[in-house]
Amino acid sequence: MSTHANIAFIGLGVMGGPMAGHLARAGMTVTAYNRSPERAAKWREVWAEEGLSVTFAATPAEAASGAHAVLTCVGNDKDLAEILMGQGGVLDAMAHGALLIDHTTVSADMARRLASECAARGLGAVDAPVSGGEAGAVNGQLAIMCGGSEKDMARAVPIMQPYAKAITHVGPAGAGQTAKMANQMCIAGVLAGLAEAIRLAEAAGLDLAKTYKAISGGAAQSWQMNNRWASMAAGEFDFGFAIDWMRKDLGYALDEARRLGLSAPVTALVDQFYADVQAAGGGRKDTSALITRLPQKPAPKES
């Protein structure tokens, strides 16, 4: 794919906005669309200050018309279906032979359905959910897990490279979304353990910085520990990926597990822990706010 390719990017949220900017910096011709005019205006200002040339479309179909590839990064199955397959939808506006790259985290069923709809229209399709959070999107360091054909992947990789640290072709349509489910299950489980570990160290009166140093160099080390230990201990939960979105993702994972006849008791339990935080008004906080569900116990007094 030429760096001068015409790209449509639909969905300028916490993740999509930075990703679209990376495409423009890489020399691609980008036409953007976002349902919220306010967010679109924000990105228009940001990119204008940087000197980037991005065209804004009035509708998703207008953005997709004439594009070599259409990239989507919206909310959920319903949002994606409405934008792509609703009346005046994107798929009908795409030129024959164009490529759809969906970065939304949706169900594997939706990814397979999209692949079928695209094939019937002579379009390519890759499901390509991402991991790395807002920082990964801003810094162009996302891990992208993909489902689709070898032919479509070969076309998609050069487009995604400006914002990727790693791109992995996992398997056929839906495989990328299933890998993302596994990714979210791992994150949720680690954060639950991390929250309990911090509360234990606090209650025992340990120095949290020294405790982190003691355990982060061994088998307990993880990305979440390295990046969220201090902020969780400090009660800081503004890092972009909200609990509301994590619960959506875990819901897809649990549905897929049931479809496959599998038990996922840890994921189901942590999902309920997140539901508790939501009920307490924490749905828009970062996923590390799971620790707020655990009361902070005073450290023992020295005798």
C-alpha atoms as a PDB file:
ATOM      1  CA  MET A   1       0.000   0.000   0.000  1.00  0.00           C
ATOM      2  CA  SER A   2       1.451   3.317  -1.056  1.00  0.00           C
ATOM      3  CA  THR A   3       2.035   5.935   1.602  1.00  0.00           C
ATOM      4  CA  HIS A   4      -0.060   8.181  -0.658  1.00  0.00           C
ATOM      5  CA  ALA A   5      -3.084   5.894  -0.322  1.00  0.00           C
ATOM      6  CA  ASN A   6      -6.471   7.446   0.403  1.00  0.00           C
ATOM      7  CA  ILE A   7      -7.510   6.335   3.887  1.00  0.00           C
ATOM      8  CA  ALA A   8     -10.827   6.888   5.652  1.00  0.00           C
ATOM      9  CA  PHE A   9     -10.684   6.795   9.459  1.00  0.00           C
ATOM     10  CA  ILE A  10     -13.997   6.555  11.291  1.00  0.00           C
ATOM     11  CA  GLY A  11     -14.013   7.049  15.046  1.00  0.00           C
ATOM     12  CA  LEU A  12     -11.744   9.677  16.596  1.00  0.00           C
ATOM     13  CA  GLY A  13     -11.881   8.618  20.220  1.00  0.00           C
ATOM     14  CA  VAL A  14      -9.100   8.114  22.753  1.00  0.00           C
ATOM     15  CA  MET A  15      -7.530   5.503  20.476  1.00  0.00           C
ATOM     16  CA  GLY A  16      -8.733   6.429  16.999  1.00  0.00           C
ATOM     17  CA  GLY A  17      -7.739  10.088  17.094  1.00  0.00           C
ATOM     18  CA  PRO A  18      -4.028   9.465  17.703  1.00  0.00           C
ATOM     19  CA  MET A  19      -4.005   6.576  15.220  1.00  0.00           C
ATOM     20  CA  ALA A  20      -5.461   8.729  12.455  1.00  0.00           C
ATOM     21  CA  GLY A  21      -2.819  11.364  13.184  1.00  0.00           C
ATOM     22  CA  HIS A  22      -0.032   8.823  12.728  1.00  0.00           C
ATOM     23  CA  LEU A  23      -1.404   7.925   9.287  1.00  0.00           C
ATOM     24  CA  ALA A  24      -1.340  11.579   8.224  1.00  0.00           C
ATOM     25  CA  ARG A  25       2.227  11.958   9.510  1.00  0.00           C
ATOM     26  CA  ALA A  26       3.203   8.931   7.433  1.00  0.00           C
ATOM     27  CA  GLY A  27       2.102  10.755   4.282  1.00  0.00           C
ATOM     28  CA  MET A  28      -1.241   9.065   3.707  1.00  0.00           C
ATOM     29  CA  THR A  29      -4.249  11.071   2.542  1.00  0.00           C
ATOM     30  CA  VAL A  30      -6.686  10.841   5.445  1.00  0.00           C
ATOM     31  CA  THR A  31     -10.389  11.633   5.511  1.00  0.00           C
ATOM     32  CA  ALA A  32     -11.825  11.439   9.027  1.00  0.00           C
ATOM     33  CA  TYR A  33     -15.293  11.149  10.519  1.00  0.00           C
ATOM     34  CA  ASN A  34     -16.541  11.165  14.097  1.00  0.00           C
ATOM     35  CA  ARG A  35     -20.124  11.045  15.342  1.00  0.00           C
ATOM     36  CA  SER A  36     -19.465  13.744  17.940  1.00  0.00           C
ATOM     37  CA  PRO A  37     -18.845  17.107  16.188  1.00  0.00           C
ATOM     38  CA  GLU A  38     -17.123  18.392  19.327  1.00  0.00           C
ATOM     39  CA  ARG A  39     -14.498  15.642  19.262  1.00  0.00           C
ATOM     40  CA  ALA A  40     -14.005  16.101  15.527  1.00  0.00           C
ATOM     41  CA  ALA A  41     -13.442  19.813  16.104  1.00  0.00           C
ATOM     42  CA  LYS A  42     -10.884  19.037  18.800  1.00  0.00           C
ATOM     43  CA  TRP A  43      -8.826  16.858  16.465  1.00  0.00           C
ATOM     44  CA  ARG A  44      -9.161  19.378  13.629  1.00  0.00           C
ATOM     45  CA  GLU A  45      -7.505  21.960  15.881  1.00  0.00           C
ATOM     46  CA  VAL A  46      -4.803  19.585  17.121  1.00  0.00           C
ATOM     47  CA  TRP A  47      -3.825  18.509  13.630  1.00  0.00           C
ATOM     48  CA  ALA A  48      -3.976  22.054  12.221  1.00  0.00           C
ATOM     49  CA  GLU A  49      -1.534  23.212  14.907  1.00  0.00           C
ATOM     50  CA  GLU A  50       0.812  20.417  13.870  1.00  0.00           C
ATOM     51  CA  GLY A  51       0.442  21.252  10.184  1.00  0.00           C
ATOM     52  CA  LEU A  52      -1.201  17.937   9.293  1.00  0.00           C
ATOM     53  CA  SER A  53      -3.655  17.850   6.432  1.00  0.00           C
ATOM     54  CA  VAL A  54      -6.748  15.796   7.309  1.00  0.00           C
ATOM     55  CA  THR A  55     -10.084  16.201   5.553  1.00  0.00           C
ATOM     56  CA  PHE A  56     -13.276  15.848   7.578  1.00  0.00           C
ATOM     57  CA  ALA A  57     -16.381  14.210   6.133  1.00  0.00           C
ATOM     58  CA  ALA A  58     -20.001  14.909   7.064  1.00  0.00           C
ATOM     59  CA  THR A  59     -20.992  11.228   7.099  1.00  0.00           C
ATOM     60  CA  PRO A  60     -19.218   7.854   7.380  1.00  0.00           C
ATOM     61  CA  ALA A  61     -20.256   6.996   3.802  1.00  0.00           C
ATOM     62  CA  GLU A  62     -18.760  10.245   2.512  1.00  0.00           C
ATOM     63  CA  ALA A  63     -15.480   9.434   4.258  1.00  0.00           C
ATOM     64  CA  ALA A  64     -15.431   5.938   2.739  1.00  0.00           C
ATOM     65  CA  SER A  65     -16.244   6.952  -0.805  1.00  0.00           C
ATOM     66  CA  GLY A  66     -13.144   6.583  -2.988  1.00  0.00           C
ATOM     67  CA  ALA A  67     -10.922   5.348  -0.133  1.00  0.00           C
ATOM     68  CA  HIS A  68      -8.436   2.542  -0.743  1.00  0.00           C
ATOM     69  CA  ALA A  69      -8.940   1.457   2.870  1.00  0.00           C
ATOM     70  CA  VAL A  70     -11.487   2.288   5.555  1.00  0.00           C
ATOM     71  CA  LEU A  71     -10.406   2.036   9.205  1.00  0.00           C
ATOM     72  CA  THR A  72     -12.959   1.951  12.011  1.00  0.00           C
ATOM     73  CA  CYS A  73     -12.501   2.394  15.759  1.00  0.00           C
ATOM     74  CA  VAL A  74     -15.891   2.880  17.393  1.00  0.00           C
ATOM     75  CA  GLY A  75     -17.720   1.519  20.444  1.00  0.00           C
ATOM     76  CA  ASN A  76     -19.273  -1.911  20.187  1.00  0.00           C
ATOM     77  CA  ASP A  77     -21.118  -4.383  17.938  1.00  0.00           C
ATOM     78  CA  LYS A  78     -24.192  -2.162  17.639  1.00  0.00           C
ATOM     79  CA  ASP A  79     -22.209   0.969  16.788  1.00  0.00           C
ATOM     80  CA  LEU A  80     -20.133  -0.850  14.197  1.00  0.00           C
ATOM     81  CA  ALA A  81     -23.107  -2.547  12.541  1.00  0.00           C
ATOM     82  CA  GLU A  82     -24.954   0.762  12.299  1.00  0.00           C
ATOM     83  CA  ILE A  83     -22.030   2.593  10.716  1.00  0.00           C
ATOM     84  CA  LEU A  84     -21.026  -0.166   8.319  1.00  0.00           C
ATOM     85  CA  MET A  85     -24.247  -1.945   7.419  1.00  0.00           C
ATOM     86  CA  GLY A  86     -27.046   0.484   8.281  1.00  0.00           C
ATOM     87  CA  GLN A  87     -28.910   2.622   5.784  1.00  0.00           C
ATOM     88  CA  GLY A  88     -26.357   4.629   3.812  1.00  0.00           C
ATOM     89  CA  GLY A  89     -23.650   2.568   5.467  1.00  0.00           C
ATOM     90  CA  VAL A  90     -19.940   2.468   4.791  1.00  0.00           C
ATOM     91  CA  LEU A  91     -19.806  -0.931   3.086  1.00  0.00           C
ATOM     92  CA  ASP A  92     -22.182   0.187   0.344  1.00  0.00           C
ATOM     93  CA  ALA A  93     -20.100   3.329  -0.212  1.00  0.00           C
ATOM     94  CA  MET A  94     -16.758   1.538  -0.490  1.00  0.00           C
ATOM     95  CA  ALA A  95     -15.252   0.988  -3.928  1.00  0.00           C
ATOM     96  CA  HIS A  96     -14.920  -2.565  -5.199  1.00  0.00           C
ATOM     97  CA  GLY A  97     -11.608  -4.016  -4.017  1.00  0.00           C
ATOM     98  CA  ALA A  98     -11.213  -1.607  -1.091  1.00  0.00           C
ATOM     99  CA  LEU A  99     -10.118  -2.884   2.314  1.00  0.00           C
ATOM    100  CA  LEU A 100     -11.874  -2.629   5.681  1.00  0.00           C
ATOM    101  CA  ILE A 101      -9.645  -2.666   8.781  1.00  0.00           C
ATOM    102  CA  ASP A 102     -11.692  -2.713  11.966  1.00  0.00           C
ATOM    103  CA  HIS A 103      -9.865  -1.684  15.142  1.00  0.00           C
ATOM    104  CA  THR A 104     -12.991  -1.777  17.306  1.00  0.00           C
ATOM    105  CA  THR A 105     -13.091  -4.453  19.983  1.00  0.00           C
ATOM    106  CA  VAL A 106     -16.243  -6.370  19.055  1.00  0.00           C
ATOM    107  CA  SER A 107     -17.491  -9.947  19.228  1.00  0.00           C
ATOM    108  CA  ALA A 108     -15.906 -12.647  17.100  1.00  0.00           C
ATOM    109  CA  ASP A 109     -19.353 -13.226  15.584  1.00  0.00           C
ATOM    110  CA  MET A 110     -19.450  -9.622  14.400  1.00  0.00           C
ATOM    111  CA  ALA A 111     -15.982  -9.938  12.878  1.00  0.00           C
ATOM    112  CA  ARG A 112     -17.004 -13.064  10.985  1.00  0.00           C
ATOM    113  CA  ARG A 113     -20.218 -11.416   9.834  1.00  0.00           C
ATOM    114  CA  LEU A 114     -18.310  -8.392   8.546  1.00  0.00           C
ATOM    115  CA  ALA A 115     -15.873 -10.610   6.662  1.00  0.00           C
ATOM    116  CA  SER A 116     -18.810 -12.340   4.963  1.00  0.00           C
ATOM    117  CA  GLU A 117     -20.536  -9.045   4.118  1.00  0.00           C
ATOM    118  CA  CYS A 118     -17.307  -7.644   2.697  1.00  0.00           C
ATOM    119  CA  ALA A 119     -16.621 -10.745   0.601  1.00  0.00           C
ATOM    120  CA  ALA A 120     -20.100 -10.506  -0.920  1.00  0.00           C
ATOM    121  CA  ARG A 121     -19.304  -6.946  -2.002  1.00  0.00           C
ATOM    122  CA  GLY A 122     -15.823  -7.659  -3.339  1.00  0.00           C
ATOM    123  CA  LEU A 123     -14.132  -5.986  -0.377  1.00  0.00           C
ATOM    124  CA  GLY A 124     -11.257  -7.138   1.814  1.00  0.00           C
ATOM    125  CA  ALA A 125     -11.616  -7.284   5.596  1.00  0.00           C
ATOM    126  CA  VAL A 126      -9.301  -7.577   8.599  1.00  0.00           C
ATOM    127  CA  ASP A 127     -10.427  -7.560  12.230  1.00  0.00           C
ATOM    128  CA  ALA A 128      -7.601  -5.822  14.063  1.00  0.00           C
ATOM    129  CA  PRO A 129      -8.295  -4.946  17.707  1.00  0.00           C
ATOM    130  CA  VAL A 130      -5.464  -3.227  19.526  1.00  0.00           C
ATOM    131  CA  SER A 131      -3.805  -3.287  22.928  1.00  0.00           C
ATOM    132  CA  GLY A 132      -1.574  -0.703  24.544  1.00  0.00           C
ATOM    133  CA  GLY A 133      -4.035   1.878  25.793  1.00  0.00           C
ATOM    134  CA  GLU A 134      -4.083   5.586  25.141  1.00  0.00           C
ATOM    135  CA  ALA A 135      -0.314   5.874  25.618  1.00  0.00           C
ATOM    136  CA  GLY A 136       0.262   3.171  23.019  1.00  0.00           C
ATOM    137  CA  ALA A 137      -1.948   4.977  20.530  1.00  0.00           C
ATOM    138  CA  VAL A 138      -0.316   8.354  21.142  1.00  0.00           C
ATOM    139  CA  ASN A 139       3.201   6.937  20.915  1.00  0.00           C
ATOM    140  CA  GLY A 140       2.509   4.652  17.945  1.00  0.00           C
ATOM    141  CA  GLN A 141       3.306   1.571  20.039  1.00  0.00           C
ATOM    142  CA  LEU A 142       0.159  -0.539  19.806  1.00  0.00           C
ATOM    143  CA  ALA A 143       0.048  -4.320  19.698  1.00  0.00           C
ATOM    144  CA  ILE A 144      -2.394  -5.333  16.966  1.00  0.00           C
ATOM    145  CA  MET A 145      -3.906  -8.822  16.769  1.00  0.00           C
ATOM    146  CA  CYS A 146      -5.468  -9.620  13.412  1.00  0.00           C
ATOM    147  CA  GLY A 147      -7.907 -11.977  11.754  1.00  0.00           C
ATOM    148  CA  GLY A 148      -8.367 -12.307   7.995  1.00  0.00           C
ATOM    149  CA  SER A 149      -6.854 -13.785   4.859  1.00  0.00           C
ATOM    150  CA  GLU A 150      -3.147 -13.668   4.023  1.00  0.00           C
ATOM    151  CA  LYS A 151      -3.971 -11.487   1.010  1.00  0.00           C
ATOM    152  CA  ASP A 152      -5.871  -8.912   3.049  1.00  0.00           C
ATOM    153  CA  MET A 153      -3.229  -8.927   5.784  1.00  0.00           C
ATOM    154  CA  ALA A 154      -0.519  -8.140   3.248  1.00  0.00           C
ATOM    155  CA  ARG A 155      -2.455  -5.025   2.282  1.00  0.00           C
ATOM    156  CA  ALA A 156      -3.313  -4.052   5.856  1.00  0.00           C
ATOM    157  CA  VAL A 157       0.134  -4.262   7.476  1.00  0.00           C
ATOM    158  CA  PRO A 158       1.714  -1.230   5.718  1.00  0.00           C
ATOM    159  CA  ILE A 159      -1.287   0.883   6.675  1.00  0.00           C
ATOM    160  CA  MET A 160      -1.136  -0.083  10.352  1.00  0.00           C
ATOM    161  CA  GLN A 161       2.624   0.175  10.776  1.00  0.00           C
ATOM    162  CA  PRO A 162       2.707   3.927  11.631  1.00  0.00           C
ATOM    163  CA  TYR A 163       0.980   3.254  14.961  1.00  0.00           C
ATOM    164  CA  ALA A 164       2.088  -0.317  15.686  1.00  0.00           C
ATOM    165  CA  LYS A 165       4.774  -1.852  17.850  1.00  0.00           C
ATOM    166  CA  ALA A 166       3.740  -5.365  16.851  1.00  0.00           C
ATOM    167  CA  ILE A 167       1.294  -6.734  14.275  1.00  0.00           C
ATOM    168  CA  THR A 168       0.376 -10.415  14.527  1.00  0.00           C
ATOM    169  CA  HIS A 169      -1.779 -12.342  12.075  1.00  0.00           C
ATOM    170  CA  VAL A 170      -3.493 -14.788  14.425  1.00  0.00           C
ATOM    171  CA  GLY A 171      -5.760 -16.590  11.953  1.00  0.00           C
ATOM    172  CA  PRO A 172      -8.939 -16.274   9.837  1.00  0.00           C
ATOM    173  CA  ALA A 173     -11.771 -13.786  10.347  1.00  0.00           C
ATOM    174  CA  GLY A 174     -12.638 -13.433  14.029  1.00  0.00           C
ATOM    175  CA  ALA A 175      -9.263 -14.674  15.273  1.00  0.00           C
ATOM    176  CA  GLY A 176      -8.057 -11.169  16.043  1.00  0.00           C
ATOM    177  CA  GLN A 177     -11.100 -10.479  18.180  1.00  0.00           C
ATOM    178  CA  THR A 178     -10.740 -13.782  20.015  1.00  0.00           C
ATOM    179  CA  ALA A 179      -7.091 -12.992  20.752  1.00  0.00           C
ATOM    180  CA  LYS A 180      -8.193  -9.600  22.117  1.00  0.00           C
ATOM    181  CA  MET A 181     -10.613 -11.399  24.440  1.00  0.00           C
ATOM    182  CA  ALA A 182      -7.703 -13.462  25.774  1.00  0.00           C
ATOM    183  CA  ASN A 183      -5.733 -10.227  26.175  1.00  0.00           C
ATOM    184  CA  GLN A 184      -8.477  -8.612  28.265  1.00  0.00           C
ATOM    185  CA  MET A 185      -8.934 -11.720  30.393  1.00  0.00           C
ATOM    186  CA  CYS A 186      -5.228 -11.603  31.255  1.00  0.00           C
ATOM    187  CA  ILE A 187      -5.313  -7.898  32.108  1.00  0.00           C
ATOM    188  CA  ALA A 188      -8.381  -8.225  34.324  1.00  0.00           C
ATOM    189  CA  GLY A 189      -6.922 -11.126  36.278  1.00  0.00           C
ATOM    190  CA  VAL A 190      -3.581  -9.391  36.808  1.00  0.00           C
ATOM    191  CA  LEU A 191      -5.243  -6.166  37.999  1.00  0.00           C
ATOM    192  CA  ALA A 192      -7.364  -8.075  40.492  1.00  0.00           C
ATOM    193  CA  GLY A 193      -4.264  -9.696  41.979  1.00  0.00           C
ATOM    194  CA  LEU A 194      -2.367  -6.425  41.922  1.00  0.00           C
ATOM    195  CA  ALA A 195      -5.153  -4.626  43.801  1.00  0.00           C
ATOM    196  CA  GLU A 196      -5.161  -7.238  46.553  1.00  0.00           C
ATOM    197  CA  ALA A 197      -1.362  -7.215  46.798  1.00  0.00           C
ATOM    198  CA  ILE A 198      -1.213  -3.441  47.254  1.00  0.00           C
ATOM    199  CA  ARG A 199      -3.905  -3.503  49.935  1.00  0.00           C
ATOM    200  CA  LEU A 200      -2.038  -6.317  51.751  1.00  0.00           C
ATOM    201  CA  ALA A 201       1.221  -4.355  51.712  1.00  0.00           C
ATOM    202  CA  GLU A 202      -0.558  -1.209  52.939  1.00  0.00           C
ATOM    203  CA  ALA A 203      -2.321  -3.010  55.773  1.00  0.00           C
ATOM    204  CA  ALA A 204       0.941  -4.603  56.868  1.00  0.00           C
ATOM    205  CA  GLY A 205       2.614  -1.201  57.002  1.00  0.00           C
ATOM    206  CA  LEU A 206       5.135  -1.961  54.264  1.00  0.00           C
ATOM    207  CA  ASP A 207       6.853   0.767  52.282  1.00  0.00           C
ATOM    208  CA  LEU A 208       5.051   0.434  48.940  1.00  0.00           C
ATOM    209  CA  ALA A 209       7.960   1.671  46.834  1.00  0.00           C
ATOM    210  CA  LYS A 210      10.304  -0.845  48.460  1.00  0.00           C
ATOM    211  CA  THR A 211       7.714  -3.612  48.114  1.00  0.00           C
ATOM    212  CA  TYR A 212       7.379  -2.858  44.408  1.00  0.00           C
ATOM    213  CA  LYS A 213      11.158  -2.936  44.028  1.00  0.00           C
ATOM    214  CA  ALA A 214      11.331  -6.251  45.868  1.00  0.00           C
ATOM    215  CA  ILE A 215       8.722  -8.076  43.796  1.00  0.00           C
ATOM    216  CA  SER A 216       8.859  -6.432  40.364  1.00  0.00           C
ATOM    217  CA  GLY A 217      12.200  -8.007  39.509  1.00  0.00           C
ATOM    218  CA  GLY A 218      10.908 -11.538  39.848  1.00  0.00           C
ATOM    219  CA  ALA A 219       8.146 -13.768  38.516  1.00  0.00           C
ATOM    220  CA  ALA A 220       5.386 -11.372  39.644  1.00  0.00           C
ATOM    221  CA  GLN A 221       6.550  -8.666  37.248  1.00  0.00           C
ATOM    222  CA  SER A 222       4.025  -7.492  34.639  1.00  0.00           C
ATOM    223  CA  TRP A 223       3.219  -4.446  32.518  1.00  0.00           C
ATOM    224  CA  GLN A 224       0.361  -3.632  34.850  1.00  0.00           C
ATOM    225  CA  MET A 225       2.641  -3.812  37.886  1.00  0.00           C
ATOM    226  CA  ASN A 226       5.290  -1.617  36.283  1.00  0.00           C
ATOM    227  CA  ASN A 227       2.820   0.986  35.065  1.00  0.00           C
ATOM    228  CA  ARG A 228      -0.012   0.915  37.617  1.00  0.00           C
ATOM    229  CA  TRP A 229       1.433  -0.043  41.028  1.00  0.00           C
ATOM    230  CA  ALA A 230       2.330   3.520  42.034  1.00  0.00           C
ATOM    231  CA  SER A 231      -0.772   5.122  40.513  1.00  0.00           C
ATOM    232  CA  MET A 232      -3.133   2.594  42.099  1.00  0.00           C
ATOM    233  CA  ALA A 233      -1.487   3.172  45.479  1.00  0.00           C
ATOM    234  CA  ALA A 234      -1.899   6.924  44.975  1.00  0.00           C
ATOM    235  CA  GLY A 235      -5.549   6.651  43.932  1.00  0.00           C
ATOM    236  CA  GLU A 236      -4.948   7.928  40.393  1.00  0.00           C
ATOM    237  CA  PHE A 237      -7.238   6.378  37.790  1.00  0.00           C
ATOM    238  CA  ASP A 238      -7.242   8.615  34.718  1.00  0.00           C
ATOM    239  CA  PHE A 239      -5.412   6.593  32.068  1.00  0.00           C
ATOM    240  CA  GLY A 240      -7.888   6.418  29.198  1.00  0.00           C
ATOM    241  CA  PHE A 241      -9.376   2.904  29.136  1.00  0.00           C
ATOM    242  CA  ALA A 242     -12.536   2.972  31.207  1.00  0.00           C
ATOM    243  CA  ILE A 243     -14.072   0.208  33.292  1.00  0.00           C
ATOM    244  CA  ASP A 244     -17.251   0.549  31.209  1.00  0.00           C
ATOM    245  CA  TRP A 245     -15.256  -0.550  28.154  1.00  0.00           C
ATOM    246  CA  MET A 246     -13.497  -3.348  30.002  1.00  0.00           C
ATOM    247  CA  ARG A 247     -16.849  -4.788  31.068  1.00  0.00           C
ATOM    248  CA  LYS A 248     -17.989  -4.682  27.443  1.00  0.00           C
ATOM    249  CA  ASP A 249     -14.865  -6.583  26.407  1.00  0.00           C
ATOM    250  CA  LEU A 250     -15.139  -9.133  29.207  1.00  0.00           C
ATOM    251  CA  GLY A 251     -18.752  -9.685  28.221  1.00  0.00           C
ATOM    252  CA  TYR A 252     -17.620 -10.670  24.724  1.00  0.00           C
ATOM    253  CA  ALA A 253     -14.995 -12.979  26.229  1.00  0.00           C
ATOM    254  CA  LEU A 254     -17.497 -14.699  28.505  1.00  0.00           C
ATOM    255  CA  ASP A 255     -19.971 -15.091  25.630  1.00  0.00           C
ATOM    256  CA  GLU A 256     -17.295 -16.666  23.452  1.00  0.00           C
ATOM    257  CA  ALA A 257     -16.221 -18.974  26.269  1.00  0.00           C
ATOM    258  CA  ARG A 258     -19.816 -20.162  26.648  1.00  0.00           C
ATOM    259  CA  ARG A 259     -20.102 -20.661  22.888  1.00  0.00           C
ATOM    260  CA  LEU A 260     -17.009 -22.869  23.014  1.00  0.00           C
ATOM    261  CA  GLY A 261     -18.283 -24.800  26.018  1.00  0.00           C
ATOM    262  CA  LEU A 262     -15.576 -23.439  28.320  1.00  0.00           C
ATOM    263  CA  SER A 263     -15.612 -22.281  31.926  1.00  0.00           C
ATOM    264  CA  ALA A 264     -13.963 -18.938  32.739  1.00  0.00           C
ATOM    265  CA  PRO A 265     -14.567 -18.534  36.495  1.00  0.00           C
ATOM    266  CA  VAL A 266     -11.793 -16.022  37.182  1.00  0.00           C
ATOM    267  CA  THR A 267     -12.906 -13.742  34.357  1.00  0.00           C
ATOM    268  CA  ALA A 268     -16.524 -13.989  35.491  1.00  0.00           C
ATOM    269  CA  LEU A 269     -15.545 -13.103  39.064  1.00  0.00           C
ATOM    270  CA  VAL A 270     -13.415 -10.109  38.112  1.00  0.00           C
ATOM    271  CA  ASP A 271     -16.189  -8.928  35.796  1.00  0.00           C
ATOM    272  CA  GLN A 272     -18.480  -8.847  38.822  1.00  0.00           C
ATOM    273  CA  PHE A 273     -15.831  -6.941  40.786  1.00  0.00           C
ATOM    274  CA  TYR A 274     -15.853  -4.353  37.995  1.00  0.00           C
ATOM    275  CA  ALA A 275     -19.658  -4.270  38.185  1.00  0.00           C
ATOM    276  CA  ASP A 276     -19.300  -3.301  41.862  1.00  0.00           C
ATOM    277  CA  VAL A 277     -17.030  -0.378  40.910  1.00  0.00           C
ATOM    278  CA  GLN A 278     -19.510   0.683  38.219  1.00  0.00           C
ATOM    279  CA  ALA A 279     -22.351   0.610  40.731  1.00  0.00           C
ATOM    280  CA  ALA A 280     -20.312   2.903  42.987  1.00  0.00           C
ATOM    281  CA  GLY A 281     -19.991   5.431  40.149  1.00  0.00           C
ATOM    282  CA  GLY A 282     -16.555   4.430  38.878  1.00  0.00           C
ATOM    283  CA  GLY A 283     -17.454   3.257  35.384  1.00  0.00           C
ATOM    284  CA  ARG A 284     -15.487   5.989  33.626  1.00  0.00           C
ATOM    285  CA  LYS A 285     -12.362   5.467  35.713  1.00  0.00           C
ATOM    286  CA  ASP A 286      -9.396   3.519  34.345  1.00  0.00           C
ATOM    287  CA  THR A 287      -9.479  -0.258  34.792  1.00  0.00           C
ATOM    288  CA  SER A 288      -6.903  -0.038  37.580  1.00  0.00           C
ATOM    289  CA  ALA A 289      -9.647   1.554  39.713  1.00  0.00           C
ATOM    290  CA  LEU A 290     -10.578  -2.026  40.542  1.00  0.00           C
ATOM    291  CA  ILE A 291      -8.600  -1.409  43.728  1.00  0.00           C
ATOM    292  CA  THR A 292     -11.271   1.049  44.962  1.00  0.00           C
ATOM    293  CA  ARG A 293     -13.528  -1.924  45.604  1.00  0.00           C
ATOM    294  CA  LEU A 294     -11.151  -3.006  48.393  1.00  0.00           C
ATOM    295  CA  PRO A 295     -11.266  -0.804  51.508  1.00  0.00           C
ATOM    296  CA  GLN A 296      -7.951   0.594  52.658  1.00  0.00           C
ATOM    297  CA  LYS A 297      -7.101  -0.723  56.112  1.00  0.00           C
ATOM    298  CA  PRO A 298      -4.897   1.348  58.447  1.00  0.00           C
ATOM    299  CA  ALA A 299      -1.417  -0.022  58.969  1.00  0.00           C
ATOM    300  CA  PRO A 300      -0.692  -1.453  62.430  1.00  0.00           C
ATOM    301  CA  LYS A 301       0.716   1.014  64.934  1.00  0.00           C
ATOM    302  CA  GLU A 302       4.262   0.518  66.086  1.00  0.00           C
ATOM    303  CA  SER A 303       4.495  -0.686  69.680  1.00  0.00           C
END
